[in-house]
C-alpha atoms as a PDB file:
ATOM      1  CA  MET A   1     248.986 267.186  37.058  1.00  0.00           C
ATOM      2  CA  GLN A   2     246.520 266.489  39.844  1.00  0.00           C
ATOM      3  CA  GLN A   3     245.321 262.885  39.823  1.00  0.00           C
ATOM      4  CA  GLU A   4     241.998 261.384  40.808  1.00  0.00           C
ATOM      5  CA  GLY A   5     241.828 260.869  44.556  1.00  0.00           C
ATOM      6  CA  LYS A   6     240.476 258.062  46.695  1.00  0.00           C
ATOM      7  CA  PRO A   7     236.787 258.112  47.698  1.00  0.00           C
ATOM      8  CA  ARG A   8     235.891 259.350  51.180  1.00  0.00           C
ATOM      9  CA  PHE A   9     232.646 258.363  52.901  1.00  0.00           C
ATOM     10  CA  LEU A  10     231.145 260.967  55.228  1.00  0.00           C
ATOM     11  CA  LYS A  11     228.763 259.487  57.810  1.00  0.00           C
ATOM     12  CA  PHE A  12     226.840 262.323  59.428  1.00  0.00           C
ATOM     13  CA  HIS A  13     223.299 261.014  58.819  1.00  0.00           C
ATOM     14  CA  GLN A  14     221.289 258.549  60.898  1.00  0.00           C
ATOM     15  CA  GLY A  15     219.120 257.477  57.958  1.00  0.00           C
ATOM     16  CA  SER A  16     219.328 256.532  54.297  1.00  0.00           C
ATOM     17  CA  VAL A  17     220.737 259.446  52.242  1.00  0.00           C
ATOM     18  CA  ARG A  18     218.390 260.198  49.319  1.00  0.00           C
ATOM     19  CA  GLY A  19     219.699 263.436  47.796  1.00  0.00           C
ATOM     20  CA  VAL A  20     222.912 265.401  47.252  1.00  0.00           C
ATOM     21  CA  ALA A  21     223.573 268.658  45.384  1.00  0.00           C
ATOM     22  CA  PHE A  22     226.454 271.062  44.773  1.00  0.00           C
ATOM     23  CA  SER A  23     226.031 274.808  45.093  1.00  0.00           C
ATOM     24  CA  PRO A  24     226.143 276.482  41.645  1.00  0.00           C
ATOM     25  CA  ARG A  25     228.033 279.453  43.137  1.00  0.00           C
ATOM     26  CA  ASP A  26     230.478 277.961  45.640  1.00  0.00           C
ATOM     27  CA  ARG A  27     232.777 275.401  44.002  1.00  0.00           C
ATOM     28  CA  TYR A  28     233.242 273.375  47.219  1.00  0.00           C
ATOM     29  CA  LEU A  29     229.900 273.706  49.032  1.00  0.00           C
ATOM     30  CA  PHE A  30     227.386 270.858  48.813  1.00  0.00           C
ATOM     31  CA  CYS A  31     224.423 269.524  50.761  1.00  0.00           C
ATOM     32  CA  SER A  32     222.736 266.200  51.477  1.00  0.00           C
ATOM     33  CA  GLY A  33     219.257 265.198  52.620  1.00  0.00           C
ATOM     34  CA  ALA A  34     218.340 261.926  54.318  1.00  0.00           C
ATOM     35  CA  TYR A  35     215.704 259.808  56.039  1.00  0.00           C
ATOM     36  CA  ASP A  36     216.566 261.370  59.394  1.00  0.00           C
ATOM     37  CA  GLY A  37     214.886 264.654  58.419  1.00  0.00           C
ATOM     38  CA  LYS A  38     218.195 266.513  58.210  1.00  0.00           C
ATOM     39  CA  VAL A  39     219.898 268.614  55.558  1.00  0.00           C
ATOM     40  CA  ASN A  40     223.674 268.749  56.007  1.00  0.00           C
ATOM     41  CA  LEU A  41     226.107 271.256  54.503  1.00  0.00           C
ATOM     42  CA  TYR A  42     229.689 270.202  53.706  1.00  0.00           C
ATOM     43  CA  SER A  43     232.948 271.479  52.265  1.00  0.00           C
ATOM     44  CA  ALA A  44     234.319 269.155  49.583  1.00  0.00           C
ATOM     45  CA  LEU A  45     237.747 270.794  49.859  1.00  0.00           C
ATOM     46  CA  ARG A  46     238.099 269.990  53.572  1.00  0.00           C
ATOM     47  CA  MET A  47     235.886 266.885  53.500  1.00  0.00           C
ATOM     48  CA  GLU A  48     234.029 268.048  56.599  1.00  0.00           C
ATOM     49  CA  LEU A  49     230.559 268.856  57.880  1.00  0.00           C
ATOM     50  CA  LEU A  50     229.828 272.588  58.164  1.00  0.00           C
ATOM     51  CA  MET A  51     226.234 272.700  59.389  1.00  0.00           C
ATOM     52  CA  CYS A  52     223.274 270.438  60.125  1.00  0.00           C
ATOM     53  CA  TYR A  53     219.677 271.578  59.794  1.00  0.00           C
ATOM     54  CA  GLN A  54     216.629 269.628  61.001  1.00  0.00           C
ATOM     55  CA  ILE A  55     213.870 270.059  58.409  1.00  0.00           C
ATOM     56  CA  THR A  56     210.993 268.239  60.093  1.00  0.00           C
ATOM     57  CA  THR A  57     209.775 267.909  63.653  1.00  0.00           C
ATOM     58  CA  MET A  58     209.275 264.540  65.293  1.00  0.00           C
ATOM     59  CA  THR A  59     205.500 264.797  64.897  1.00  0.00           C
ATOM     60  CA  LEU A  60     205.741 264.968  61.108  1.00  0.00           C
ATOM     61  CA  ALA A  61     207.109 262.454  58.622  1.00  0.00           C
ATOM     62  CA  ARG A  62     210.823 262.467  59.160  1.00  0.00           C
ATOM     63  CA  ASN A  63     212.256 261.976  55.718  1.00  0.00           C
ATOM     64  CA  VAL A  64     213.970 264.211  53.141  1.00  0.00           C
ATOM     65  CA  ASN A  65     213.874 262.646  49.656  1.00  0.00           C
ATOM     66  CA  ALA A  66     215.308 265.413  47.421  1.00  0.00           C
ATOM     67  CA  VAL A  67     217.549 268.487  47.786  1.00  0.00           C
ATOM     68  CA  ARG A  68     218.567 271.260  45.367  1.00  0.00           C
ATOM     69  CA  PHE A  69     220.212 274.672  45.538  1.00  0.00           C
ATOM     70  CA  THR A  70     218.566 277.650  43.878  1.00  0.00           C
ATOM     71  CA  SER A  71     220.548 279.058  40.934  1.00  0.00           C
ATOM     72  CA  ASP A  72     222.004 281.898  43.029  1.00  0.00           C
ATOM     73  CA  GLY A  73     223.202 279.426  45.683  1.00  0.00           C
ATOM     74  CA  SER A  74     221.499 281.325  48.520  1.00  0.00           C
ATOM     75  CA  ARG A  75     218.808 278.755  49.391  1.00  0.00           C
ATOM     76  CA  ILE A  76     218.355 275.008  49.623  1.00  0.00           C
ATOM     77  CA  LEU A  77     215.101 273.329  48.571  1.00  0.00           C
ATOM     78  CA  ALA A  78     214.274 270.132  50.457  1.00  0.00           C
ATOM     79  CA  ALA A  79     211.305 267.894  49.587  1.00  0.00           C
ATOM     80  CA  THR A  80     210.022 265.579  52.327  1.00  0.00           C
ATOM     81  CA  THR A  81     207.759 262.562  52.562  1.00  0.00           C
ATOM     82  CA  ALA A  82     205.336 264.719  54.565  1.00  0.00           C
ATOM     83  CA  ARG A  83     204.465 266.317  51.160  1.00  0.00           C
ATOM     84  CA  ARG A  84     206.262 269.446  52.313  1.00  0.00           C
ATOM     85  CA  LEU A  85     208.870 271.486  50.472  1.00  0.00           C
ATOM     86  CA  ALA A  86     211.110 273.468  52.813  1.00  0.00           C
ATOM     87  CA  VAL A  87     213.262 276.448  51.794  1.00  0.00           C
ATOM     88  CA  VAL A  88     216.417 276.916  53.879  1.00  0.00           C
ATOM     89  CA  ASP A  89     218.709 279.952  53.939  1.00  0.00           C
ATOM     90  CA  VAL A  90     222.269 278.717  53.331  1.00  0.00           C
ATOM     91  CA  GLU A  91     224.155 281.363  55.310  1.00  0.00           C
ATOM     92  CA  ARG A  92     221.945 281.458  58.391  1.00  0.00           C
ATOM     93  CA  GLY A  93     220.699 277.874  58.364  1.00  0.00           C
ATOM     94  CA  GLU A  94     217.119 279.032  58.965  1.00  0.00           C
ATOM     95  CA  GLN A  95     213.955 277.770  57.345  1.00  0.00           C
ATOM     96  CA  LEU A  96     212.483 280.636  55.328  1.00  0.00           C
ATOM     97  CA  LEU A  97     209.359 278.995  53.902  1.00  0.00           C
ATOM     98  CA  ALA A  98     207.482 275.704  53.904  1.00  0.00           C
ATOM     99  CA  TYR A  99     204.979 274.672  51.234  1.00  0.00           C
ATOM    100  CA  ASP A 100     202.593 271.952  52.448  1.00  0.00           C
ATOM    101  CA  ASN A 101     200.728 269.302  50.395  1.00  0.00           C
ATOM    102  CA  CYS A 102     202.732 270.034  47.248  1.00  0.00           C
ATOM    103  CA  ALA A 103     205.455 267.334  47.026  1.00  0.00           C
ATOM    104  CA  TYR A 104     205.343 263.596  46.338  1.00  0.00           C
ATOM    105  CA  SER A 105     205.639 261.394  49.414  1.00  0.00           C
ATOM    106  CA  GLY A 106     207.084 258.251  47.802  1.00  0.00           C
ATOM    107  CA  LYS A 107     209.782 256.207  49.499  1.00  0.00           C
ATOM    108  CA  ASP A 108     212.371 256.751  46.736  1.00  0.00           C
ATOM    109  CA  ARG A 109     214.178 259.913  45.669  1.00  0.00           C
ATOM    110  CA  THR A 110     211.698 262.298  44.020  1.00  0.00           C
ATOM    111  CA  GLY A 111     212.017 264.839  41.198  1.00  0.00           C
ATOM    112  CA  LEU A 112     212.982 268.394  42.150  1.00  0.00           C
ATOM    113  CA  ALA A 113     214.506 271.083  39.916  1.00  0.00           C
ATOM    114  CA  ALA A 114     215.487 274.736  40.326  1.00  0.00           C
ATOM    115  CA  ASP A 115     215.309 277.119  37.375  1.00  0.00           C
ATOM    116  CA  PRO A 116     218.940 277.727  36.231  1.00  0.00           C
ATOM    117  CA  VAL A 117     218.085 281.290  35.132  1.00  0.00           C
ATOM    118  CA  CYS A 118     215.589 282.584  37.691  1.00  0.00           C
ATOM    119  CA  PRO A 119     216.605 281.883  41.323  1.00  0.00           C
ATOM    120  CA  ASN A 120     213.003 282.238  42.539  1.00  0.00           C
ATOM    121  CA  MET A 121     211.444 279.495  40.384  1.00  0.00           C
ATOM    122  CA  ALA A 122     211.376 275.779  41.175  1.00  0.00           C
ATOM    123  CA  VAL A 123     209.412 272.673  40.162  1.00  0.00           C
ATOM    124  CA  VAL A 124     208.720 269.575  42.266  1.00  0.00           C
ATOM    125  CA  VAL A 125     206.744 266.391  41.568  1.00  0.00           C
ATOM    126  CA  GLY A 126     203.153 266.928  42.768  1.00  0.00           C
ATOM    127  CA  ALA A 127     201.459 265.191  45.676  1.00  0.00           C
ATOM    128  CA  ASN A 128     200.025 262.301  43.599  1.00  0.00           C
ATOM    129  CA  GLY A 129     203.358 261.702  41.843  1.00  0.00           C
ATOM    130  CA  LYS A 130     201.991 262.194  38.312  1.00  0.00           C
ATOM    131  CA  GLY A 131     201.866 265.992  38.103  1.00  0.00           C
ATOM    132  CA  LEU A 132     204.011 269.005  38.926  1.00  0.00           C
ATOM    133  CA  THR A 133     203.910 271.830  41.447  1.00  0.00           C
ATOM    134  CA  LEU A 134     205.324 275.144  40.263  1.00  0.00           C
ATOM    135  CA  LEU A 135     206.770 277.401  42.958  1.00  0.00           C
ATOM    136  CA  ASP A 136     207.701 281.058  43.082  1.00  0.00           C
ATOM    137  CA  LEU A 137     209.847 281.332  46.209  1.00  0.00           C
ATOM    138  CA  ARG A 138     208.753 284.947  46.722  1.00  0.00           C
ATOM    139  CA  MET A 139     205.186 283.767  47.344  1.00  0.00           C
ATOM    140  CA  PRO A 140     203.816 281.982  50.452  1.00  0.00           C
ATOM    141  CA  LEU A 141     201.704 279.536  48.391  1.00  0.00           C
ATOM    142  CA  PRO A 142     202.473 277.407  45.289  1.00  0.00           C
ATOM    143  CA  LEU A 143     202.220 279.334  42.034  1.00  0.00           C
ATOM    144  CA  ASP A 144     200.511 276.652  39.931  1.00  0.00           C
ATOM    145  CA  PHE A 145     199.691 272.939  39.696  1.00  0.00           C
ATOM    146  CA  VAL A 146     199.966 270.737  36.606  1.00  0.00           C
ATOM    147  CA  TYR A 147     197.770 267.677  37.122  1.00  0.00           C
ATOM    148  CA  ASP A 148     198.414 264.205  35.663  1.00  0.00           C
ATOM    149  CA  LEU A 149     201.132 265.183  33.208  1.00  0.00           C
ATOM    150  CA  HIS A 150     202.206 261.515  33.172  1.00  0.00           C
ATOM    151  CA  GLY A 151     200.287 258.268  33.533  1.00  0.00           C
ATOM    152  CA  SER A 152     202.923 256.945  35.949  1.00  0.00           C
ATOM    153  CA  VAL A 153     205.012 258.365  38.792  1.00  0.00           C
ATOM    154  CA  ILE A 154     207.420 261.094  37.639  1.00  0.00           C
ATOM    155  CA  ARG A 155     210.946 260.051  38.609  1.00  0.00           C
ATOM    156  CA  ASP A 156     213.012 263.031  37.459  1.00  0.00           C
ATOM    157  CA  ILE A 157     212.712 266.674  36.354  1.00  0.00           C
ATOM    158  CA  VAL A 158     215.267 268.743  34.406  1.00  0.00           C
ATOM    159  CA  PHE A 159     215.117 272.285  33.017  1.00  0.00           C
ATOM    160  CA  LEU A 160     215.974 272.132  29.313  1.00  0.00           C
ATOM    161  CA  HIS A 161     218.184 274.698  27.537  1.00  0.00           C
ATOM    162  CA  SER A 162     216.245 276.963  25.149  1.00  0.00           C
ATOM    163  CA  SER A 163     218.427 275.865  22.194  1.00  0.00           C
ATOM    164  CA  TRP A 164     216.748 272.437  21.961  1.00  0.00           C
ATOM    165  CA  PRO A 165     214.353 272.262  18.992  1.00  0.00           C
ATOM    166  CA  TRP A 166     211.115 271.934  20.969  1.00  0.00           C
ATOM    167  CA  ALA A 167     212.100 274.552  23.528  1.00  0.00           C
ATOM    168  CA  ARG A 168     212.913 277.385  21.129  1.00  0.00           C
ATOM    169  CA  GLY A 169     210.967 280.523  21.907  1.00  0.00           C
ATOM    170  CA  GLN A 170     210.281 279.289  25.446  1.00  0.00           C
ATOM    171  CA  SER A 171     211.887 281.084  28.357  1.00  0.00           C
ATOM    172  CA  SER A 172     211.752 277.842  30.395  1.00  0.00           C
ATOM    173  CA  SER A 173     210.901 274.317  29.316  1.00  0.00           C
ATOM    174  CA  ILE A 174     210.884 271.192  31.480  1.00  0.00           C
ATOM    175  CA  LEU A 175     211.946 267.642  30.664  1.00  0.00           C
ATOM    176  CA  THR A 176     210.202 265.019  32.813  1.00  0.00           C
ATOM    177  CA  ALA A 177     210.666 261.248  32.997  1.00  0.00           C
ATOM    178  CA  GLY A 178     207.889 258.835  34.015  1.00  0.00           C
ATOM    179  CA  ALA A 179     208.639 255.471  35.592  1.00  0.00           C
ATOM    180  CA  ASP A 180     206.958 253.712  32.629  1.00  0.00           C
ATOM    181  CA  GLY A 181     209.563 255.134  30.254  1.00  0.00           C
ATOM    182  CA  THR A 182     207.571 258.064  28.861  1.00  0.00           C
ATOM    183  CA  CYS A 183     209.647 261.243  28.609  1.00  0.00           C
ATOM    184  CA  LYS A 184     207.972 264.590  27.960  1.00  0.00           C
ATOM    185  CA  VAL A 185     209.073 268.138  27.182  1.00  0.00           C
ATOM    186  CA  SER A 186     206.559 270.737  28.345  1.00  0.00           C
ATOM    187  CA  THR A 187     206.329 274.432  29.065  1.00  0.00           C
ATOM    188  CA  ILE A 188     206.510 275.535  32.666  1.00  0.00           C
ATOM    189  CA  ASP A 189     202.683 275.738  32.772  1.00  0.00           C
ATOM    190  CA  GLY A 190     202.261 272.152  31.510  1.00  0.00           C
ATOM    191  CA  ARG A 191     201.652 272.589  27.770  1.00  0.00           C
ATOM    192  CA  GLY A 192     203.165 269.632  25.924  1.00  0.00           C
ATOM    193  CA  LEU A 193     205.927 270.284  23.367  1.00  0.00           C
ATOM    194  CA  HIS A 194     207.360 266.833  22.661  1.00  0.00           C
ATOM    195  CA  GLN A 195     207.163 263.225  23.849  1.00  0.00           C
ATOM    196  CA  PHE A 196     209.151 260.051  23.322  1.00  0.00           C
ATOM    197  CA  HIS A 197     209.317 256.603  24.926  1.00  0.00           C
ATOM    198  CA  ALA A 198     212.543 254.989  26.151  1.00  0.00           C
ATOM    199  CA  ASN A 199     211.039 251.455  25.932  1.00  0.00           C
ATOM    200  CA  HIS A 200     212.282 250.608  29.412  1.00  0.00           C
ATOM    201  CA  GLN A 201     211.677 251.691  33.008  1.00  0.00           C
ATOM    202  CA  VAL A 202     213.136 255.150  33.700  1.00  0.00           C
ATOM    203  CA  ASN A 203     214.387 256.600  37.017  1.00  0.00           C
ATOM    204  CA  THR A 204     216.506 259.492  35.737  1.00  0.00           C
ATOM    205  CA  ILE A 205     216.965 261.647  32.663  1.00  0.00           C
ATOM    206  CA  CYS A 206     219.984 263.686  31.600  1.00  0.00           C
ATOM    207  CA  PRO A 207     220.409 265.927  28.522  1.00  0.00           C
ATOM    208  CA  THR A 208     223.927 266.676  27.318  1.00  0.00           C
ATOM    209  CA  PRO A 209     225.190 269.924  28.873  1.00  0.00           C
ATOM    210  CA  GLU A 210     226.117 271.953  25.782  1.00  0.00           C
ATOM    211  CA  PRO A 211     223.601 274.038  23.784  1.00  0.00           C
ATOM    212  CA  PHE A 212     221.858 271.851  21.217  1.00  0.00           C
ATOM    213  CA  ASN A 213     224.249 270.640  18.471  1.00  0.00           C
ATOM    214  CA  GLN A 214     226.872 273.234  19.346  1.00  0.00           C
ATOM    215  CA  GLY A 215     230.290 271.729  18.751  1.00  0.00           C
ATOM    216  CA  ALA A 216     229.041 269.139  16.264  1.00  0.00           C
ATOM    217  CA  GLU A 217     232.273 269.663  14.289  1.00  0.00           C
ATOM    218  CA  ASP A 218     234.149 268.358  17.334  1.00  0.00           C
ATOM    219  CA  GLY A 219     232.070 265.193  17.373  1.00  0.00           C
ATOM    220  CA  PHE A 220     229.754 266.059  20.264  1.00  0.00           C
ATOM    221  CA  TYR A 221     226.143 265.597  19.220  1.00  0.00           C
ATOM    222  CA  SER A 222     223.386 266.550  21.617  1.00  0.00           C
ATOM    223  CA  LEU A 223     221.293 263.730  23.008  1.00  0.00           C
ATOM    224  CA  ILE A 224     219.156 262.797  26.005  1.00  0.00           C
ATOM    225  CA  MET A 225     220.169 259.917  28.265  1.00  0.00           C
ATOM    226  CA  SER A 226     217.520 258.047  30.246  1.00  0.00           C
ATOM    227  CA  GLY A 227     218.338 255.454  32.877  1.00  0.00           C
ATOM    228  CA  GLY A 228     216.370 252.725  34.631  1.00  0.00           C
ATOM    229  CA  ASP A 229     216.412 249.021  33.803  1.00  0.00           C
ATOM    230  CA  MET A 230     218.985 250.024  31.182  1.00  0.00           C
ATOM    231  CA  VAL A 231     220.470 253.271  29.839  1.00  0.00           C
ATOM    232  CA  SER A 232     219.410 254.565  26.423  1.00  0.00           C
ATOM    233  CA  SER A 233     220.361 257.619  24.361  1.00  0.00           C
ATOM    234  CA  TYR A 234     217.701 259.544  22.438  1.00  0.00           C
ATOM    235  CA  VAL A 235     218.635 261.858  19.552  1.00  0.00           C
ATOM    236  CA  PRO A 236     216.034 264.456  18.449  1.00  0.00           C
ATOM    237  CA  HIS A 237     214.425 263.715  15.045  1.00  0.00           C
ATOM    238  CA  THR A 238     216.174 260.324  14.980  1.00  0.00           C
ATOM    239  CA  GLY A 239     215.092 258.264  17.992  1.00  0.00           C
ATOM    240  CA  ILE A 240     216.823 255.825  20.342  1.00  0.00           C
ATOM    241  CA  GLN A 241     220.400 255.303  19.127  1.00  0.00           C
ATOM    242  CA  GLU A 242     222.192 253.310  21.812  1.00  0.00           C
ATOM    243  CA  HIS A 243     221.694 251.092  24.849  1.00  0.00           C
ATOM    244  CA  LEU A 244     224.211 250.758  27.695  1.00  0.00           C
ATOM    245  CA  LYS A 245     223.786 247.503  29.620  1.00  0.00           C
ATOM    246  CA  GLU A 246     226.825 247.397  31.919  1.00  0.00           C
ATOM    247  CA  GLN A 247     224.662 247.661  35.064  1.00  0.00           C
ATOM    248  CA  LYS A 248     223.076 244.276  34.154  1.00  0.00           C
ATOM    249  CA  GLU A 249     220.162 243.547  36.509  1.00  0.00           C
ATOM    250  CA  ASN A 250     220.621 246.684  38.653  1.00  0.00           C
ATOM    251  CA  SER A 251     218.482 249.763  37.997  1.00  0.00           C
ATOM    252  CA  VAL A 252     220.246 253.070  37.298  1.00  0.00           C
ATOM    253  CA  TRP A 253     219.132 255.914  39.592  1.00  0.00           C
ATOM    254  CA  LYS A 254     221.168 258.876  38.362  1.00  0.00           C
ATOM    255  CA  LEU A 255     223.118 259.936  35.272  1.00  0.00           C
ATOM    256  CA  ARG A 256     225.367 262.993  35.164  1.00  0.00           C
ATOM    257  CA  TYR A 257     227.691 264.483  32.538  1.00  0.00           C
ATOM    258  CA  THR A 258     230.761 266.543  33.314  1.00  0.00           C
ATOM    259  CA  SER A 259     230.396 270.187  32.292  1.00  0.00           C
ATOM    260  CA  ASN A 260     231.941 269.711  28.841  1.00  0.00           C
ATOM    261  CA  GLY A 261     229.985 266.520  28.140  1.00  0.00           C
ATOM    262  CA  SER A 262     233.032 264.320  27.599  1.00  0.00           C
ATOM    263  CA  LEU A 263     232.429 261.938  30.530  1.00  0.00           C
ATOM    264  CA  LEU A 264     229.213 260.322  31.766  1.00  0.00           C
ATOM    265  CA  TYR A 265     228.789 258.904  35.284  1.00  0.00           C
ATOM    266  CA  SER A 266     226.034 256.538  36.387  1.00  0.00           C
ATOM    267  CA  VAL A 267     224.975 255.216  39.796  1.00  0.00           C
ATOM    268  CA  CYS A 268     222.689 252.277  40.450  1.00  0.00           C
ATOM    269  CA  GLU A 269     221.374 249.654  42.821  1.00  0.00           C
ATOM    270  CA  GLY A 270     224.198 247.665  44.312  1.00  0.00           C
ATOM    271  CA  GLY A 271     226.049 250.877  45.177  1.00  0.00           C
ATOM    272  CA  VAL A 272     228.241 251.039  42.042  1.00  0.00           C
ATOM    273  CA  LEU A 273     229.491 254.235  40.372  1.00  0.00           C
ATOM    274  CA  ARG A 274     230.445 253.725  36.703  1.00  0.00           C
ATOM    275  CA  ARG A 275     232.142 255.939  34.138  1.00  0.00           C
ATOM    276  CA  TYR A 276     231.770 256.266  30.346  1.00  0.00           C
ATOM    277  CA  ARG A 277     233.592 258.338  27.736  1.00  0.00           C
ATOM    278  CA  ARG A 278     231.391 260.038  25.189  1.00  0.00           C
ATOM    279  CA  TYR A 279     232.193 259.795  21.470  1.00  0.00           C
ATOM    280  CA  PRO A 280     230.322 261.209  18.436  1.00  0.00           C
ATOM    281  CA  ASP A 281     228.084 258.165  18.018  1.00  0.00           C
ATOM    282  CA  HIS A 282     228.500 256.078  21.172  1.00  0.00           C
ATOM    283  CA  HIS A 283     229.626 255.874  24.811  1.00  0.00           C
ATOM    284  CA  GLU A 284     232.603 253.733  25.786  1.00  0.00           C
ATOM    285  CA  TYR A 285     232.477 252.013  29.174  1.00  0.00           C
ATOM    286  CA  LEU A 286     235.616 252.857  31.172  1.00  0.00           C
ATOM    287  CA  GLY A 287     234.872 250.771  34.239  1.00  0.00           C
ATOM    288  CA  GLU A 288     233.775 250.948  37.849  1.00  0.00           C
ATOM    289  CA  VAL A 289     234.978 253.967  39.842  1.00  0.00           C
ATOM    290  CA  PHE A 290     233.998 252.960  43.388  1.00  0.00           C
ATOM    291  CA  ARG A 291     231.105 251.444  45.285  1.00  0.00           C
ATOM    292  CA  HIS A 292     229.046 251.942  48.449  1.00  0.00           C
ATOM    293  CA  LYS A 293     227.811 249.216  50.773  1.00  0.00           C
ATOM    294  CA  GLY A 294     224.212 250.189  49.910  1.00  0.00           C
ATOM    295  CA  ASP A 295     222.299 251.362  46.823  1.00  0.00           C
ATOM    296  CA  ILE A 296     223.194 254.817  45.476  1.00  0.00           C
ATOM    297  CA  GLN A 297     220.151 257.013  44.756  1.00  0.00           C
ATOM    298  CA  ASP A 298     221.635 260.373  43.821  1.00  0.00           C
ATOM    299  CA  MET A 299     224.827 261.984  42.539  1.00  0.00           C
ATOM    300  CA  ASP A 300     226.172 265.409  41.557  1.00  0.00           C
ATOM    301  CA  ILE A 301     229.371 266.925  40.140  1.00  0.00           C
ATOM    302  CA  SER A 302     230.887 270.237  41.256  1.00  0.00           C
ATOM    303  CA  PRO A 303     230.713 273.292  38.929  1.00  0.00           C
ATOM    304  CA  TYR A 304     234.334 272.913  37.732  1.00  0.00           C
ATOM    305  CA  ASP A 305     234.334 269.091  37.637  1.00  0.00           C
ATOM    306  CA  GLU A 306     236.686 268.855  40.617  1.00  0.00           C
ATOM    307  CA  TYR A 307     234.520 266.649  42.867  1.00  0.00           C
ATOM    308  CA  LEU A 308     231.794 264.030  42.558  1.00  0.00           C
ATOM    309  CA  ILE A 309     229.382 263.256  45.401  1.00  0.00           C
ATOM    310  CA  THR A 310     226.978 260.342  45.927  1.00  0.00           C
ATOM    311  CA  ALA A 311     224.026 259.614  48.239  1.00  0.00           C
ATOM    312  CA  SER A 312     223.676 256.047  49.480  1.00  0.00           C
ATOM    313  CA  LYS A 313     221.239 253.953  51.471  1.00  0.00           C
ATOM    314  CA  ASP A 314     224.167 252.925  53.681  1.00  0.00           C
ATOM    315  CA  ARG A 315     223.744 256.363  55.398  1.00  0.00           C
ATOM    316  CA  SER A 316     226.929 257.788  53.921  1.00  0.00           C
ATOM    317  CA  VAL A 317     227.819 260.511  51.424  1.00  0.00           C
ATOM    318  CA  GLY A 318     230.625 259.566  49.042  1.00  0.00           C
ATOM    319  CA  VAL A 319     233.094 262.280  47.950  1.00  0.00           C
ATOM    320  CA  LEU A 320     235.624 261.703  45.160  1.00  0.00           C
ATOM    321  CA  ARG A 321     238.142 264.235  43.885  1.00  0.00           C
ATOM    322  CA  LEU A 322     238.114 263.894  40.090  1.00  0.00           C
ATOM    323  CA  GLY A 323     241.117 266.119  39.386  1.00  0.00           C
ATOM    324  CA  ALA A 324     242.115 269.690  38.590  1.00  0.00           C
ATOM    325  CA  PRO A 325     239.390 272.267  37.851  1.00  0.00           C
ATOM    326  CA  ASN A 326     238.312 272.296  34.205  1.00  0.00           C
ATOM    327  CA  HIS A 327     238.957 276.033  33.778  1.00  0.00           C
ATOM    328  CA  GLY A 328     242.720 275.518  33.860  1.00  0.00           C
ATOM    329  CA  TRP A 329     245.665 274.492  35.988  1.00  0.00           C
ATOM    330  CA  THR A 330     245.919 275.895  39.511  1.00  0.00           C
ATOM    331  CA  GLU A 331     248.619 275.516  42.123  1.00  0.00           C
ATOM    332  CA  TYR A 332     250.113 277.255  45.130  1.00  0.00           C
ATOM    333  CA  SER A 333     253.495 278.979  44.753  1.00  0.00           C
ATOM    334  CA  GLU A 334     255.636 281.659  46.382  1.00  0.00           C
ATOM    335  CA  LEU A 335     256.943 284.701  44.588  1.00  0.00           C
ATOM    336  CA  THR A 336     260.316 285.858  45.940  1.00  0.00           C
END
């Protein structure tokens, strides 16, 4: 059986790396965005840089603070501190569109999400940090603005599966996390569906990957993880059920489940990547996986759980091979 590999650190940026994302269509392709104004494309299989694209000119603010692929994998969305959202064609490496004055210009990683069903829809944190900008990538201007959805800066955005109780009947619903700990579920046009408070500062939010309560007989119960000063788990109709405090005084910046929900990874200030195993009523801390020299601000896992990538302030992108693909055993052989 293929074992977990050793972490590799790819240093192709000249600034702090603020965002990383895997392509939903290509199991090895991923991108990174940094404070040098560049979006880089890599192959996780070969651990090498494929292409570098300069998002901003020297006369504009230089910094990329979030990246995402569209659901068809054909385009990369890159939010910058110049309040611009750029759309890049993956195959040609050309900028297709640029939306000005629509994205938050904060110094930390910002919230950006692509609709997992419709490849032309995306949502980014608005210019003042407290609202949302809705984008249809077929249009030259933003589709809609949702003003002051939160009373604090929105740190993270996630599209929620329609099986969750508040999202039923909605084609697309959005889960947003405010820095003050307020988490909201709303329709894509900003109508509120549900709200809860984590009772601690929040930088990231992560619902379990399976449809709501599917597989409850196997012991996997759907919940929402929120991370900041600490990590807490929220269960619908019940409330906060658990607190994970292994990061101690360091703030958590990203939480990510593997595709079957059995393992949870967290990254935080101090550059530490941690791993938890998920059980029916709790998460068990398995230990530290690896660490960067600088704070880690973003993380993603490949579609088949083969690779994990991290974005660090030390200007590097961490790549770790987790093991064999989760859809079954694969190997090379010769038939004679």
